[in-house]
């Protein structure tokens, strides 16, 4: 069981095209409990963009991180569909995404 607030995200085609991703049940506790704003850092030392936690998009209530156009563009510039993105949830305010 991984207790670190990090996980490897497989960049599903919908994530790649739409600029969002789901956080699995194993990391749910590391994301804010309510819907609302969160910041995404695109790359370990990259720029931060505004995003939103949506807890109604998935059937089991786990968080979906909605990053919109900036996240989509970053995914498409740095990854291929089904590639792996390292997600760090160590901060409740900023989710850090990076190459694995």
Protein backbone atom coordinates (compact mmCIF):
# COMPACT_ATOMS: atom_id res chain seq x y z
CA UNK A 1 0.00 0.00 0.00
CA UNK A 2 1.44 3.33 -1.07
CA UNK A 3 1.05 5.96 1.66
CA UNK A 4 2.86 8.73 -0.21
CA UNK A 5 0.55 11.33 -1.75
CA UNK A 6 1.88 10.63 -5.24
CA UNK A 7 0.71 8.45 -8.07
CA UNK A 8 1.37 7.72 -11.72
CA UNK A 9 -1.45 8.91 -13.95
CA UNK A 10 -2.04 7.13 -17.25
CA UNK A 11 -3.00 9.89 -19.65
CA UNK A 12 -6.27 8.53 -21.00
CA UNK A 13 -7.40 9.93 -24.36
CA UNK A 14 -10.21 11.96 -22.78
CA UNK A 15 -7.79 13.52 -20.26
CA UNK A 16 -5.39 14.34 -23.10
CA UNK A 17 -8.12 15.93 -25.25
CA UNK A 18 -10.15 17.68 -22.55
CA UNK A 19 -7.67 18.87 -19.90
CA UNK A 20 -8.80 17.03 -16.77
CA UNK A 21 -7.91 13.90 -14.83
CA UNK A 22 -9.43 11.73 -12.13
CA UNK A 23 -7.77 10.96 -8.81
CA UNK A 24 -8.24 7.36 -7.74
CA UNK A 25 -9.73 6.26 -4.44
CA UNK A 26 -6.27 5.47 -3.05
CA UNK A 27 -5.23 9.14 -3.18
CA UNK A 28 -8.65 10.69 -2.53
CA UNK A 29 -7.74 11.74 1.03
CA UNK A 30 -4.92 13.96 -0.26
CA UNK A 31 -7.31 16.19 -2.26
CA UNK A 32 -9.60 18.83 -0.73
CA UNK A 33 -12.85 17.33 0.56
CA UNK A 34 -15.08 19.98 -0.99
CA UNK A 35 -15.41 21.15 -4.56
CA UNK A 36 -13.58 24.32 -5.39
CA UNK A 37 -10.37 25.91 -6.60
CA UNK A 38 -6.93 24.33 -6.60
CA UNK A 39 -3.72 25.26 -8.41
CA UNK A 40 -1.83 23.01 -10.79
CA UNK A 41 1.92 23.37 -11.23
CA UNK A 42 2.74 22.17 -14.74
CA UNK A 43 6.22 20.69 -14.33
CA UNK A 44 8.23 20.50 -11.10
CA UNK A 45 9.41 24.11 -11.57
CA UNK A 46 6.73 25.09 -14.05
CA UNK A 47 4.01 27.70 -14.11
CA UNK A 48 0.92 27.45 -11.95
CA UNK A 49 -2.56 27.57 -13.41
CA UNK A 50 -5.99 27.74 -11.82
CA UNK A 51 -7.97 24.50 -11.71
CA UNK A 52 -11.02 23.13 -9.93
CA UNK A 53 -11.86 20.03 -7.91
CA UNK A 54 -15.13 18.44 -9.05
CA UNK A 55 -16.54 15.67 -6.86
CA UNK A 56 -19.74 15.12 -8.84
CA UNK A 57 -18.19 14.09 -12.17
CA UNK A 58 -17.37 10.52 -11.12
CA UNK A 59 -19.86 7.93 -9.90
CA UNK A 60 -17.91 7.11 -6.73
CA UNK A 61 -17.34 10.73 -5.67
CA UNK A 62 -13.57 10.66 -6.11
CA UNK A 63 -12.12 13.97 -7.27
CA UNK A 64 -11.81 15.05 -10.87
CA UNK A 65 -9.26 17.80 -11.38
CA UNK A 66 -10.50 20.21 -14.06
CA UNK A 67 -7.54 22.06 -15.58
CA UNK A 68 -9.16 23.17 -18.81
CA UNK A 69 -7.25 24.58 -21.77
CA UNK A 70 -3.92 25.27 -19.97
CA UNK A 71 -3.77 21.66 -18.72
CA UNK A 72 -4.83 20.24 -22.07
CA UNK A 73 -2.21 22.29 -23.90
CA UNK A 74 0.50 21.22 -21.42
CA UNK A 75 -0.49 17.55 -21.74
CA UNK A 76 -0.40 17.79 -25.54
CA UNK A 77 2.95 19.63 -25.61
CA UNK A 78 4.70 17.22 -23.22
CA UNK A 79 3.05 13.80 -23.52
CA UNK A 80 1.43 11.35 -25.86
CA UNK A 81 -1.98 9.76 -25.18
CA UNK A 82 -1.62 6.87 -22.70
CA UNK A 83 1.68 8.33 -21.46
CA UNK A 84 2.48 8.53 -17.76
CA UNK A 85 2.28 11.73 -15.72
CA UNK A 86 3.69 11.89 -12.17
CA UNK A 87 1.12 13.51 -9.85
CA UNK A 88 2.22 14.90 -6.46
CA UNK A 89 -0.56 15.68 -3.98
CA UNK A 90 1.73 16.59 -1.05
CA UNK A 91 0.24 20.10 -0.83
CA UNK A 92 -3.50 20.64 -0.44
CA UNK A 93 -3.18 23.95 -2.32
CA UNK A 94 -1.01 22.96 -5.28
CA UNK A 95 -1.03 19.72 -7.30
CA UNK A 96 2.31 19.22 -9.04
CA UNK A 97 2.35 17.40 -12.38
CA UNK A 98 5.59 16.34 -14.02
CA UNK A 99 7.23 13.86 -16.33
CA UNK A 100 7.79 10.54 -14.64
